[in-house]
Amino acid sequence: LLYLGYIASSPQELCTAFSVPMIQLHHHLWQTTALPTNRFIDGISNYINNQCHSPLFSHAHHGKKAQHNLHKPFTYAVDLFQ
């Protein structure tokens, strides 16, 4: 994945990966504006969901779809990047 420009959120179980440029963007914004990671992910998620006809959903639990929560996987990917 790294060769293709992505960092996985978990080395053991691959289910979510983030692009290196997006992690670098977060890093630069965090350094210059003190932008919290959760607000960065909220902004990115809102942008993506407004651009797509179908929002991101996580795997169905008990037959129910839920909004995909990227906060924890992104935090793990940022930690791996650093």
N, C-alpha and C. Protein backbone atom coordinates (compact mmCIF):
# COMPACT_ATOMS: atom_id res chain seq x y z
N LEU A 1 0.81 -1.20 0.00
CA LEU A 1 0.00 0.00 0.00
C LEU A 1 0.85 1.27 0.00
N LEU A 2 1.91 1.25 0.77
CA LEU A 2 2.77 2.43 0.86
C LEU A 2 3.37 2.76 -0.51
N TYR A 3 3.72 1.74 -1.28
CA TYR A 3 4.25 1.94 -2.62
C TYR A 3 3.23 2.67 -3.49
N LEU A 4 1.94 2.43 -3.25
CA LEU A 4 0.87 3.07 -4.01
C LEU A 4 0.46 4.42 -3.42
N GLY A 5 1.06 4.80 -2.29
CA GLY A 5 0.78 6.10 -1.70
C GLY A 5 -0.28 6.11 -0.62
N TYR A 6 -0.49 4.95 0.01
CA TYR A 6 -1.50 4.84 1.06
C TYR A 6 -0.89 4.26 2.33
N ILE A 7 -1.48 4.63 3.47
CA ILE A 7 -1.08 4.06 4.76
C ILE A 7 -2.30 3.40 5.36
N ALA A 8 -2.16 2.14 5.73
CA ALA A 8 -3.26 1.42 6.36
C ALA A 8 -3.42 1.89 7.80
N SER A 9 -4.65 1.79 8.30
CA SER A 9 -4.88 2.21 9.69
C SER A 9 -4.49 1.13 10.68
N SER A 10 -4.31 -0.10 10.20
CA SER A 10 -3.92 -1.20 11.08
C SER A 10 -2.99 -2.14 10.34
N PRO A 11 -1.87 -2.50 10.93
CA PRO A 11 -0.97 -3.44 10.26
C PRO A 11 -1.50 -4.87 10.24
N GLN A 12 -2.39 -5.21 11.17
CA GLN A 12 -2.89 -6.58 11.24
C GLN A 12 -4.12 -6.81 10.38
N GLU A 13 -5.02 -5.85 10.33
CA GLU A 13 -6.31 -6.04 9.67
C GLU A 13 -6.57 -4.87 8.73
N LEU A 14 -6.45 -5.12 7.42
CA LEU A 14 -6.61 -4.05 6.45
C LEU A 14 -8.09 -3.87 6.11
N CYS A 15 -8.64 -2.74 6.51
CA CYS A 15 -10.01 -2.42 6.11
C CYS A 15 -10.12 -0.95 5.71
N THR A 16 -9.22 -0.11 6.17
CA THR A 16 -9.25 1.32 5.83
C THR A 16 -7.81 1.79 5.61
N ALA A 17 -7.62 2.56 4.54
CA ALA A 17 -6.31 3.15 4.26
C ALA A 17 -6.52 4.60 3.87
N PHE A 18 -5.51 5.42 4.11
CA PHE A 18 -5.58 6.85 3.82
C PHE A 18 -4.40 7.23 2.94
N SER A 19 -4.61 8.19 2.04
CA SER A 19 -3.53 8.60 1.15
C SER A 19 -2.49 9.40 1.94
N VAL A 20 -1.24 9.23 1.55
CA VAL A 20 -0.15 9.95 2.19
C VAL A 20 -0.34 11.46 2.04
N PRO A 21 -0.75 11.98 0.85
CA PRO A 21 -0.97 13.43 0.76
C PRO A 21 -2.04 13.95 1.72
N MET A 22 -3.09 13.17 1.99
CA MET A 22 -4.11 13.61 2.93
C MET A 22 -3.55 13.67 4.35
N ILE A 23 -2.73 12.69 4.71
CA ILE A 23 -2.11 12.70 6.04
C ILE A 23 -1.13 13.86 6.15
N GLN A 24 -0.41 14.15 5.07
CA GLN A 24 0.51 15.29 5.07
C GLN A 24 -0.26 16.61 5.19
N LEU A 25 -1.41 16.71 4.50
CA LEU A 25 -2.24 17.91 4.61
C LEU A 25 -2.69 18.11 6.05
N HIS A 26 -3.15 17.04 6.68
CA HIS A 26 -3.56 17.12 8.09
C HIS A 26 -2.39 17.58 8.95
N HIS A 27 -1.22 17.02 8.71
CA HIS A 27 -0.04 17.36 9.51
C HIS A 27 0.29 18.86 9.40
N HIS A 28 0.28 19.38 8.17
CA HIS A 28 0.60 20.80 7.97
C HIS A 28 -0.47 21.71 8.58
N LEU A 29 -1.73 21.33 8.42
CA LEU A 29 -2.80 22.13 9.04
C LEU A 29 -2.71 22.08 10.56
N TRP A 30 -2.40 20.91 11.08
CA TRP A 30 -2.29 20.75 12.53
C TRP A 30 -1.15 21.60 13.08
N GLN A 31 -0.03 21.64 12.35
CA GLN A 31 1.12 22.44 12.80
C GLN A 31 0.86 23.94 12.75
N THR A 32 0.14 24.39 11.74
CA THR A 32 -0.02 25.83 11.56
C THR A 32 -1.30 26.40 12.16
N THR A 33 -2.32 25.57 12.37
CA THR A 33 -3.60 26.11 12.84
C THR A 33 -4.13 25.43 14.09
N ALA A 34 -3.46 24.43 14.59
CA ALA A 34 -3.94 23.67 15.75
C ALA A 34 -5.30 23.04 15.48
N LEU A 35 -5.49 22.55 14.25
CA LEU A 35 -6.73 21.89 13.86
C LEU A 35 -6.79 20.50 14.48
N PRO A 36 -7.80 20.23 15.31
CA PRO A 36 -7.91 18.90 15.92
C PRO A 36 -8.21 17.84 14.86
N THR A 37 -7.71 16.64 15.07
CA THR A 37 -7.91 15.55 14.12
C THR A 37 -9.38 15.26 13.90
N ASN A 38 -10.18 15.27 14.97
CA ASN A 38 -11.60 14.94 14.79
C ASN A 38 -12.31 15.98 13.92
N ARG A 39 -11.93 17.24 14.01
CA ARG A 39 -12.55 18.27 13.16
C ARG A 39 -12.09 18.13 11.72
N PHE A 40 -10.84 17.75 11.51
CA PHE A 40 -10.34 17.51 10.16
C PHE A 40 -11.12 16.38 9.50
N ILE A 41 -11.32 15.28 10.23
CA ILE A 41 -12.06 14.14 9.69
C ILE A 41 -13.52 14.52 9.45
N ASP A 42 -14.13 15.28 10.36
CA ASP A 42 -15.51 15.73 10.15
C ASP A 42 -15.63 16.54 8.87
N GLY A 43 -14.68 17.44 8.65
CA GLY A 43 -14.70 18.27 7.44
C GLY A 43 -14.50 17.45 6.18
N ILE A 44 -13.54 16.54 6.19
CA ILE A 44 -13.30 15.68 5.03
C ILE A 44 -14.52 14.80 4.76
N SER A 45 -15.10 14.22 5.80
CA SER A 45 -16.28 13.35 5.64
C SER A 45 -17.46 14.12 5.07
N ASN A 46 -17.71 15.32 5.59
CA ASN A 46 -18.80 16.14 5.07
C ASN A 46 -18.57 16.49 3.61
N TYR A 47 -17.34 16.83 3.26
CA TYR A 47 -17.02 17.16 1.88
C TYR A 47 -17.26 15.97 0.96
N ILE A 48 -16.75 14.80 1.35
CA ILE A 48 -16.91 13.60 0.53
C ILE A 48 -18.38 13.24 0.39
N ASN A 49 -19.13 13.27 1.48
CA ASN A 49 -20.54 12.90 1.44
C ASN A 49 -21.35 13.89 0.60
N ASN A 50 -20.96 15.16 0.56
CA ASN A 50 -21.66 16.13 -0.29
C ASN A 50 -21.30 15.97 -1.76
N GLN A 51 -20.13 15.42 -2.06
CA GLN A 51 -19.70 15.22 -3.44
C GLN A 51 -20.24 13.92 -4.04
N CYS A 52 -20.52 12.94 -3.19
CA CYS A 52 -20.96 11.62 -3.65
C CYS A 52 -22.48 11.51 -3.57
N HIS A 53 -23.03 10.68 -4.44
CA HIS A 53 -24.47 10.43 -4.39
C HIS A 53 -24.83 9.49 -3.26
N SER A 54 -23.89 8.68 -2.84
CA SER A 54 -24.15 7.77 -1.72
C SER A 54 -23.07 7.98 -0.66
N PRO A 55 -23.45 8.30 0.57
CA PRO A 55 -22.47 8.53 1.63
C PRO A 55 -21.74 7.26 2.02
N LEU A 56 -20.61 7.42 2.70
CA LEU A 56 -19.84 6.28 3.18
C LEU A 56 -20.57 5.61 4.34
N PHE A 57 -20.69 4.29 4.26
CA PHE A 57 -21.28 3.53 5.36
C PHE A 57 -20.32 2.44 5.78
N SER A 58 -20.36 2.09 7.05
CA SER A 58 -19.53 0.99 7.54
C SER A 58 -20.27 -0.31 7.30
N HIS A 59 -19.63 -1.43 7.66
CA HIS A 59 -20.26 -2.73 7.52
C HIS A 59 -21.54 -2.76 8.34
N ALA A 60 -22.54 -3.46 7.83
CA ALA A 60 -23.83 -3.53 8.54
C ALA A 60 -23.69 -4.37 9.81
N HIS A 61 -24.18 -3.83 10.89
CA HIS A 61 -24.22 -4.56 12.16
C HIS A 61 -25.68 -4.84 12.47
N HIS A 62 -26.02 -6.10 12.57
CA HIS A 62 -27.40 -6.50 12.85
C HIS A 62 -28.36 -5.94 11.80
N GLY A 63 -27.91 -5.89 10.54
CA GLY A 63 -28.75 -5.44 9.45
C GLY A 63 -28.92 -3.93 9.35
N LYS A 64 -28.23 -3.17 10.19
CA LYS A 64 -28.35 -1.71 10.17
C LYS A 64 -27.09 -1.09 9.59
N LYS A 65 -27.27 -0.14 8.68
CA LYS A 65 -26.13 0.61 8.16
C LYS A 65 -25.85 1.78 9.09
N ALA A 66 -24.59 2.09 9.26
CA ALA A 66 -24.20 3.22 10.11
C ALA A 66 -23.18 4.07 9.35
N GLN A 67 -23.18 5.37 9.63
CA GLN A 67 -22.16 6.24 9.05
C GLN A 67 -20.79 5.71 9.44
N HIS A 68 -19.90 5.70 8.49
CA HIS A 68 -18.55 5.20 8.74
C HIS A 68 -17.80 6.19 9.61
N ASN A 69 -17.30 5.73 10.74
CA ASN A 69 -16.55 6.58 11.66
C ASN A 69 -15.06 6.43 11.35
N LEU A 70 -14.46 7.47 10.82
CA LEU A 70 -13.06 7.43 10.41
C LEU A 70 -12.10 8.01 11.44
N HIS A 71 -12.62 8.47 12.58
CA HIS A 71 -11.76 9.13 13.56
C HIS A 71 -10.65 8.21 14.08
N LYS A 72 -11.01 7.04 14.54
CA LYS A 72 -10.01 6.13 15.12
C LYS A 72 -9.06 5.59 14.05
N PRO A 73 -9.56 5.09 12.89
CA PRO A 73 -8.61 4.61 11.87
C PRO A 73 -7.65 5.70 11.38
N PHE A 74 -8.15 6.93 11.22
CA PHE A 74 -7.27 8.01 10.77
C PHE A 74 -6.20 8.32 11.81
N THR A 75 -6.59 8.32 13.07
CA THR A 75 -5.62 8.56 14.15
C THR A 75 -4.53 7.50 14.13
N TYR A 76 -4.92 6.24 13.92
CA TYR A 76 -3.92 5.16 13.85
C TYR A 76 -2.99 5.35 12.65
N ALA A 77 -3.55 5.74 11.50
CA ALA A 77 -2.73 5.96 10.31
C ALA A 77 -1.76 7.12 10.51
N VAL A 78 -2.22 8.19 11.16
CA VAL A 78 -1.34 9.33 11.46
C VAL A 78 -0.21 8.88 12.39
N ASP A 79 -0.53 8.07 13.39
CA ASP A 79 0.50 7.57 14.30
C ASP A 79 1.53 6.72 13.55
N LEU A 80 1.07 5.88 12.62
CA LEU A 80 1.99 5.07 11.83
C LEU A 80 2.86 5.95 10.93
N PHE A 81 2.28 7.01 10.40
CA PHE A 81 3.01 7.92 9.52
C PHE A 81 4.12 8.64 10.26
N GLN A 82 3.85 9.01 11.50
CA GLN A 82 4.84 9.76 12.27
C GLN A 82 5.90 8.82 12.76
